[in-house]
Amino acid sequence: QVQLVESGGGLVQAGGSLRLSCAASGRTFNGYFTGWFRQAPGKDREFVAFIDRSGEITYYPDSVKGRFTISRDNAKNMVYLQMNSLKPEDTAVYYCAADRTYRGRYYLMNEYGYWGPGTQVTVSS
């Protein structure tokens, strides 16, 4: 079992940047693939980024591609989400998620058995 805790959220102006961190504890993290999701008020939780166990394979939806970058440091049990050129529509609670069993549907919430409590990101216009 692994425990996840996000940090790095906050208030930023449109066009600015934030780096979110996800700290994992409890198990060796390099056995887990990891994703970031977000949920805005009144909306469903949506996929934001995926990274495989080694850090070599990443996926993004079109809404963040070219602006967000996911990375990981397995030696530190950390995953990061660098967010650049932020827009007001990026405002949401951001969640880190992980699992050991990869079935290929990285964009689905139910692929991930472990979740952090989330961190708020607010982008002002």
N, C-alpha and C. Protein backbone atom coordinates (compact mmCIF):
# COMPACT_ATOMS: atom_id res chain seq x y z
N GLN A 1 0.84 -1.18 0.00
CA GLN A 1 0.00 0.00 0.00
C GLN A 1 0.88 1.24 0.00
N VAL A 2 0.41 2.31 -0.63
CA VAL A 2 1.15 3.55 -0.71
C VAL A 2 0.24 4.70 -0.30
N GLN A 3 0.81 5.66 0.39
CA GLN A 3 0.09 6.88 0.77
C GLN A 3 0.63 8.04 -0.06
N LEU A 4 -0.28 8.89 -0.52
CA LEU A 4 0.08 10.00 -1.38
C LEU A 4 -0.35 11.32 -0.75
N VAL A 5 0.50 12.33 -0.86
CA VAL A 5 0.16 13.67 -0.36
C VAL A 5 0.64 14.69 -1.38
N GLU A 6 -0.29 15.53 -1.84
CA GLU A 6 0.05 16.58 -2.79
C GLU A 6 0.43 17.87 -2.06
N SER A 7 1.22 18.69 -2.72
CA SER A 7 1.56 20.02 -2.22
C SER A 7 1.90 20.91 -3.40
N GLY A 8 1.99 22.21 -3.13
CA GLY A 8 2.41 23.14 -4.16
C GLY A 8 1.29 23.96 -4.78
N GLY A 9 0.06 23.68 -4.40
CA GLY A 9 -1.04 24.47 -4.93
C GLY A 9 -1.03 25.89 -4.39
N GLY A 10 -1.88 26.73 -4.97
CA GLY A 10 -1.97 28.11 -4.51
C GLY A 10 -2.70 28.97 -5.50
N LEU A 11 -2.55 30.27 -5.31
CA LEU A 11 -3.19 31.27 -6.17
C LEU A 11 -2.13 31.87 -7.10
N VAL A 12 -2.44 31.90 -8.38
CA VAL A 12 -1.50 32.43 -9.36
C VAL A 12 -2.29 33.19 -10.42
N GLN A 13 -1.67 34.18 -11.02
CA GLN A 13 -2.32 34.93 -12.10
C GLN A 13 -2.24 34.15 -13.40
N ALA A 14 -3.18 34.43 -14.27
CA ALA A 14 -3.18 33.80 -15.59
C ALA A 14 -1.84 34.07 -16.27
N GLY A 15 -1.31 33.02 -16.92
CA GLY A 15 -0.01 33.11 -17.55
C GLY A 15 1.13 32.68 -16.66
N GLY A 16 0.85 32.51 -15.38
CA GLY A 16 1.89 32.12 -14.43
C GLY A 16 2.11 30.62 -14.39
N SER A 17 2.95 30.22 -13.45
CA SER A 17 3.35 28.82 -13.33
C SER A 17 3.25 28.35 -11.89
N LEU A 18 3.03 27.06 -11.73
CA LEU A 18 3.09 26.38 -10.44
C LEU A 18 3.68 25.00 -10.66
N ARG A 19 4.34 24.49 -9.64
CA ARG A 19 4.79 23.10 -9.67
C ARG A 19 4.16 22.35 -8.50
N LEU A 20 3.38 21.36 -8.84
CA LEU A 20 2.77 20.51 -7.82
C LEU A 20 3.69 19.32 -7.54
N SER A 21 3.69 18.90 -6.29
CA SER A 21 4.46 17.74 -5.89
C SER A 21 3.54 16.69 -5.29
N CYS A 22 3.90 15.45 -5.49
CA CYS A 22 3.17 14.33 -4.90
C CYS A 22 4.21 13.45 -4.20
N ALA A 23 4.09 13.39 -2.88
CA ALA A 23 5.02 12.59 -2.09
C ALA A 23 4.37 11.25 -1.76
N ALA A 24 5.10 10.17 -2.01
CA ALA A 24 4.59 8.83 -1.76
C ALA A 24 5.34 8.20 -0.59
N SER A 25 4.62 7.50 0.23
CA SER A 25 5.24 6.80 1.34
C SER A 25 4.57 5.45 1.51
N GLY A 26 5.28 4.55 2.16
CA GLY A 26 4.69 3.25 2.48
C GLY A 26 5.22 2.11 1.65
N ARG A 27 5.55 2.36 0.40
CA ARG A 27 6.08 1.32 -0.47
C ARG A 27 7.07 1.96 -1.44
N THR A 28 7.92 1.14 -2.04
CA THR A 28 8.82 1.64 -3.07
C THR A 28 8.00 2.14 -4.24
N PHE A 29 8.15 3.40 -4.54
CA PHE A 29 7.26 4.05 -5.48
C PHE A 29 7.52 3.67 -6.92
N ASN A 30 8.69 3.14 -7.24
CA ASN A 30 8.98 2.85 -8.64
C ASN A 30 8.18 1.66 -9.16
N GLY A 31 7.38 1.03 -8.31
CA GLY A 31 6.50 -0.03 -8.78
C GLY A 31 5.12 0.47 -9.16
N TYR A 32 4.90 1.77 -9.10
CA TYR A 32 3.58 2.34 -9.32
C TYR A 32 3.58 3.28 -10.52
N PHE A 33 2.60 3.12 -11.40
CA PHE A 33 2.38 4.16 -12.39
C PHE A 33 1.53 5.24 -11.73
N THR A 34 1.62 6.47 -12.22
CA THR A 34 1.04 7.61 -11.52
C THR A 34 0.32 8.55 -12.48
N GLY A 35 -0.73 9.13 -11.99
CA GLY A 35 -1.47 10.11 -12.76
C GLY A 35 -1.83 11.32 -11.94
N TRP A 36 -2.11 12.41 -12.61
CA TRP A 36 -2.70 13.60 -12.01
C TRP A 36 -4.09 13.80 -12.61
N PHE A 37 -5.02 14.13 -11.74
CA PHE A 37 -6.38 14.46 -12.14
C PHE A 37 -6.74 15.79 -11.50
N ARG A 38 -7.82 16.40 -11.97
CA ARG A 38 -8.30 17.64 -11.36
C ARG A 38 -9.81 17.66 -11.38
N GLN A 39 -10.35 18.41 -10.43
CA GLN A 39 -11.81 18.55 -10.34
C GLN A 39 -12.15 19.99 -10.01
N ALA A 40 -12.87 20.62 -10.94
CA ALA A 40 -13.35 21.98 -10.73
C ALA A 40 -14.73 21.91 -10.09
N PRO A 41 -15.15 22.99 -9.43
CA PRO A 41 -16.46 22.99 -8.78
C PRO A 41 -17.58 22.68 -9.77
N GLY A 42 -18.43 21.73 -9.42
CA GLY A 42 -19.56 21.39 -10.25
C GLY A 42 -19.23 20.54 -11.46
N LYS A 43 -17.99 20.11 -11.57
CA LYS A 43 -17.59 19.31 -12.73
C LYS A 43 -17.04 17.95 -12.29
N ASP A 44 -16.99 17.03 -13.25
CA ASP A 44 -16.41 15.72 -12.96
C ASP A 44 -14.89 15.83 -12.85
N ARG A 45 -14.31 14.87 -12.15
CA ARG A 45 -12.86 14.80 -12.07
C ARG A 45 -12.32 14.37 -13.44
N GLU A 46 -11.27 15.05 -13.90
CA GLU A 46 -10.75 14.77 -15.23
C GLU A 46 -9.25 14.49 -15.20
N PHE A 47 -8.83 13.70 -16.17
CA PHE A 47 -7.43 13.32 -16.33
C PHE A 47 -6.59 14.50 -16.78
N VAL A 48 -5.40 14.61 -16.20
CA VAL A 48 -4.50 15.72 -16.52
C VAL A 48 -3.14 15.22 -17.05
N ALA A 49 -2.61 14.16 -16.46
CA ALA A 49 -1.29 13.69 -16.89
C ALA A 49 -1.04 12.29 -16.36
N PHE A 50 -0.19 11.54 -17.08
CA PHE A 50 0.18 10.17 -16.70
C PHE A 50 1.67 10.00 -16.90
N ILE A 51 2.27 9.20 -16.01
CA ILE A 51 3.66 8.83 -16.17
C ILE A 51 3.83 7.37 -15.77
N ASP A 52 4.62 6.64 -16.54
CA ASP A 52 4.80 5.23 -16.23
C ASP A 52 5.82 5.06 -15.11
N ARG A 53 6.11 3.81 -14.76
CA ARG A 53 6.96 3.54 -13.61
C ARG A 53 8.37 4.09 -13.78
N SER A 54 8.88 4.04 -14.99
CA SER A 54 10.25 4.47 -15.22
C SER A 54 10.37 5.96 -15.47
N GLY A 55 9.25 6.60 -15.82
CA GLY A 55 9.29 8.01 -16.17
C GLY A 55 9.51 8.27 -17.64
N GLU A 56 9.58 7.21 -18.44
CA GLU A 56 9.90 7.37 -19.87
C GLU A 56 8.67 7.64 -20.71
N ILE A 57 7.50 7.23 -20.26
CA ILE A 57 6.27 7.37 -21.04
C ILE A 57 5.32 8.31 -20.30
N THR A 58 4.84 9.32 -21.02
CA THR A 58 3.89 10.27 -20.46
C THR A 58 2.74 10.50 -21.45
N TYR A 59 1.59 10.83 -20.90
CA TYR A 59 0.42 11.16 -21.70
C TYR A 59 -0.26 12.38 -21.10
N TYR A 60 -0.88 13.18 -21.98
CA TYR A 60 -1.62 14.36 -21.56
C TYR A 60 -2.86 14.52 -22.43
N PRO A 61 -3.91 15.10 -21.90
CA PRO A 61 -5.03 15.48 -22.75
C PRO A 61 -4.67 16.74 -23.53
N ASP A 62 -5.42 17.00 -24.58
CA ASP A 62 -5.13 18.17 -25.41
C ASP A 62 -5.24 19.48 -24.62
N SER A 63 -6.08 19.49 -23.60
CA SER A 63 -6.32 20.73 -22.84
C SER A 63 -5.08 21.24 -22.12
N VAL A 64 -4.12 20.36 -21.84
CA VAL A 64 -2.92 20.78 -21.10
C VAL A 64 -1.63 20.48 -21.85
N LYS A 65 -1.73 19.77 -22.95
CA LYS A 65 -0.53 19.37 -23.70
C LYS A 65 0.26 20.62 -24.13
N GLY A 66 1.55 20.58 -23.90
CA GLY A 66 2.41 21.71 -24.23
C GLY A 66 2.53 22.73 -23.11
N ARG A 67 1.66 22.64 -22.11
CA ARG A 67 1.71 23.56 -20.97
C ARG A 67 2.11 22.84 -19.68
N PHE A 68 1.68 21.60 -19.52
CA PHE A 68 1.95 20.84 -18.30
C PHE A 68 2.99 19.76 -18.60
N THR A 69 3.82 19.47 -17.61
CA THR A 69 4.82 18.41 -17.73
C THR A 69 4.84 17.59 -16.45
N ILE A 70 4.66 16.28 -16.60
CA ILE A 70 4.73 15.38 -15.45
C ILE A 70 6.11 14.74 -15.43
N SER A 71 6.65 14.56 -14.24
CA SER A 71 7.95 13.92 -14.09
C SER A 71 7.98 13.20 -12.75
N ARG A 72 8.99 12.36 -12.57
CA ARG A 72 9.09 11.66 -11.30
C ARG A 72 10.55 11.46 -10.92
N ASP A 73 10.77 11.34 -9.62
CA ASP A 73 12.08 11.03 -9.07
C ASP A 73 11.88 9.83 -8.14
N ASN A 74 12.12 8.64 -8.66
CA ASN A 74 11.85 7.44 -7.87
C ASN A 74 12.76 7.32 -6.66
N ALA A 75 13.94 7.89 -6.74
CA ALA A 75 14.86 7.85 -5.59
C ALA A 75 14.29 8.63 -4.41
N LYS A 76 13.47 9.64 -4.71
CA LYS A 76 12.87 10.46 -3.66
C LYS A 76 11.41 10.13 -3.42
N ASN A 77 10.87 9.15 -4.16
CA ASN A 77 9.45 8.80 -4.06
C ASN A 77 8.56 10.01 -4.34
N MET A 78 8.88 10.73 -5.39
CA MET A 78 8.15 11.96 -5.72
C MET A 78 7.69 11.95 -7.17
N VAL A 79 6.54 12.55 -7.41
CA VAL A 79 6.06 12.85 -8.75
C VAL A 79 5.71 14.33 -8.79
N TYR A 80 5.97 14.97 -9.92
CA TYR A 80 5.77 16.41 -10.04
C TYR A 80 4.86 16.72 -11.22
N LEU A 81 4.19 17.85 -11.14
CA LEU A 81 3.43 18.37 -12.26
C LEU A 81 3.80 19.83 -12.41
N GLN A 82 4.60 20.13 -13.43
CA GLN A 82 4.95 21.51 -13.75
C GLN A 82 3.86 22.09 -14.64
N MET A 83 3.27 23.17 -14.19
CA MET A 83 2.17 23.79 -14.93
C MET A 83 2.56 25.20 -15.35
N ASN A 84 2.64 25.43 -16.63
CA ASN A 84 3.00 26.73 -17.19
C ASN A 84 1.84 27.32 -17.97
N SER A 85 1.92 28.60 -18.24
CA SER A 85 0.88 29.29 -19.02
C SER A 85 -0.50 28.98 -18.48
N LEU A 86 -0.65 29.10 -17.18
CA LEU A 86 -1.91 28.74 -16.55
C LEU A 86 -3.05 29.65 -16.98
N LYS A 87 -4.23 29.05 -17.06
CA LYS A 87 -5.44 29.75 -17.47
C LYS A 87 -6.48 29.66 -16.36
N PRO A 88 -7.41 30.59 -16.31
CA PRO A 88 -8.46 30.50 -15.28
C PRO A 88 -9.19 29.15 -15.30
N GLU A 89 -9.34 28.56 -16.46
CA GLU A 89 -10.03 27.27 -16.55
C GLU A 89 -9.21 26.11 -15.98
N ASP A 90 -7.98 26.37 -15.60
CA ASP A 90 -7.18 25.35 -14.91
C ASP A 90 -7.48 25.32 -13.41
N THR A 91 -8.28 26.25 -12.94
CA THR A 91 -8.64 26.29 -11.53
C THR A 91 -9.39 25.01 -11.13
N ALA A 92 -8.88 24.33 -10.12
CA ALA A 92 -9.45 23.06 -9.69
C ALA A 92 -8.67 22.55 -8.49
N VAL A 93 -9.20 21.51 -7.87
CA VAL A 93 -8.41 20.72 -6.92
C VAL A 93 -7.68 19.66 -7.72
N TYR A 94 -6.38 19.57 -7.52
CA TYR A 94 -5.55 18.63 -8.25
C TYR A 94 -5.20 17.45 -7.36
N TYR A 95 -5.36 16.25 -7.92
CA TYR A 95 -5.14 15.01 -7.18
C TYR A 95 -4.05 14.18 -7.85
N CYS A 96 -3.22 13.59 -7.01
CA CYS A 96 -2.26 12.61 -7.45
C CYS A 96 -2.85 11.22 -7.22
N ALA A 97 -2.64 10.30 -8.16
CA ALA A 97 -3.17 8.96 -8.05
C ALA A 97 -2.13 7.95 -8.52
N ALA A 98 -2.20 6.73 -8.00
CA ALA A 98 -1.20 5.72 -8.35
C ALA A 98 -1.79 4.32 -8.25
N ASP A 99 -1.14 3.40 -8.94
CA ASP A 99 -1.51 1.99 -8.82
C ASP A 99 -0.36 1.14 -9.36
N ARG A 100 -0.38 -0.15 -9.02
CA ARG A 100 0.65 -1.07 -9.48
C ARG A 100 0.26 -1.82 -10.74
N THR A 101 -1.05 -2.01 -10.93
CA THR A 101 -1.51 -2.82 -12.06
C THR A 101 -1.96 -1.93 -13.20
N TYR A 102 -1.23 -1.96 -14.29
CA TYR A 102 -1.53 -1.07 -15.41
C TYR A 102 -2.31 -1.84 -16.48
N ARG A 103 -3.49 -1.34 -16.79
CA ARG A 103 -4.33 -1.98 -17.80
C ARG A 103 -4.48 -1.13 -19.06
N GLY A 104 -3.75 -0.04 -19.12
CA GLY A 104 -3.71 0.76 -20.34
C GLY A 104 -4.67 1.94 -20.37
N ARG A 105 -5.64 1.96 -19.47
CA ARG A 105 -6.63 3.04 -19.50
C ARG A 105 -6.23 4.11 -18.50
N TYR A 106 -5.12 4.72 -18.75
CA TYR A 106 -4.50 5.66 -17.81
C TYR A 106 -5.36 6.89 -17.55
N TYR A 107 -6.32 7.17 -18.41
CA TYR A 107 -7.14 8.37 -18.31
C TYR A 107 -8.40 8.16 -17.46
N LEU A 108 -8.60 6.94 -16.97
CA LEU A 108 -9.77 6.62 -16.18
C LEU A 108 -9.46 6.61 -14.69
N MET A 109 -10.33 7.22 -13.90
CA MET A 109 -10.12 7.27 -12.46
C MET A 109 -10.04 5.88 -11.85
N ASN A 110 -10.86 4.96 -12.32
CA ASN A 110 -10.90 3.65 -11.66
C ASN A 110 -9.71 2.76 -11.98
N GLU A 111 -8.74 3.27 -12.74
CA GLU A 111 -7.50 2.56 -12.93
C GLU A 111 -6.56 2.74 -11.74
N TYR A 112 -6.88 3.68 -10.89
CA TYR A 112 -5.99 4.06 -9.80
C TYR A 112 -6.61 3.73 -8.46
N GLY A 113 -5.90 2.98 -7.66
CA GLY A 113 -6.44 2.57 -6.36
C GLY A 113 -6.02 3.45 -5.20
N TYR A 114 -5.05 4.31 -5.44
CA TYR A 114 -4.52 5.15 -4.37
C TYR A 114 -4.59 6.61 -4.78
N TRP A 115 -5.09 7.43 -3.88
CA TRP A 115 -5.30 8.85 -4.16
C TRP A 115 -4.82 9.69 -3.00
N GLY A 116 -4.32 10.87 -3.33
CA GLY A 116 -4.03 11.85 -2.30
C GLY A 116 -5.25 12.69 -1.99
N PRO A 117 -5.18 13.54 -0.97
CA PRO A 117 -6.32 14.37 -0.57
C PRO A 117 -6.55 15.56 -1.49
N GLY A 118 -5.59 15.91 -2.32
CA GLY A 118 -5.76 17.01 -3.26
C GLY A 118 -5.13 18.31 -2.79
N THR A 119 -4.84 19.17 -3.75
CA THR A 119 -4.32 20.51 -3.47
C THR A 119 -5.01 21.50 -4.40
N GLN A 120 -5.41 22.63 -3.84
CA GLN A 120 -6.19 23.62 -4.60
C GLN A 120 -5.27 24.48 -5.46
N VAL A 121 -5.65 24.63 -6.72
CA VAL A 121 -4.98 25.56 -7.64
C VAL A 121 -6.02 26.56 -8.11
N THR A 122 -5.73 27.84 -7.92
CA THR A 122 -6.64 28.89 -8.35
C THR A 122 -5.88 29.84 -9.27
N VAL A 123 -6.42 30.02 -10.47
CA VAL A 123 -5.79 30.91 -11.45
C VAL A 123 -6.71 32.10 -11.66
N SER A 124 -6.22 33.27 -11.35
CA SER A 124 -7.02 34.49 -11.49
C SER A 124 -6.79 35.13 -12.86
N SER A 125 -7.84 35.76 -13.36
CA SER A 125 -7.74 36.38 -14.69
C SER A 125 -7.25 37.80 -14.60
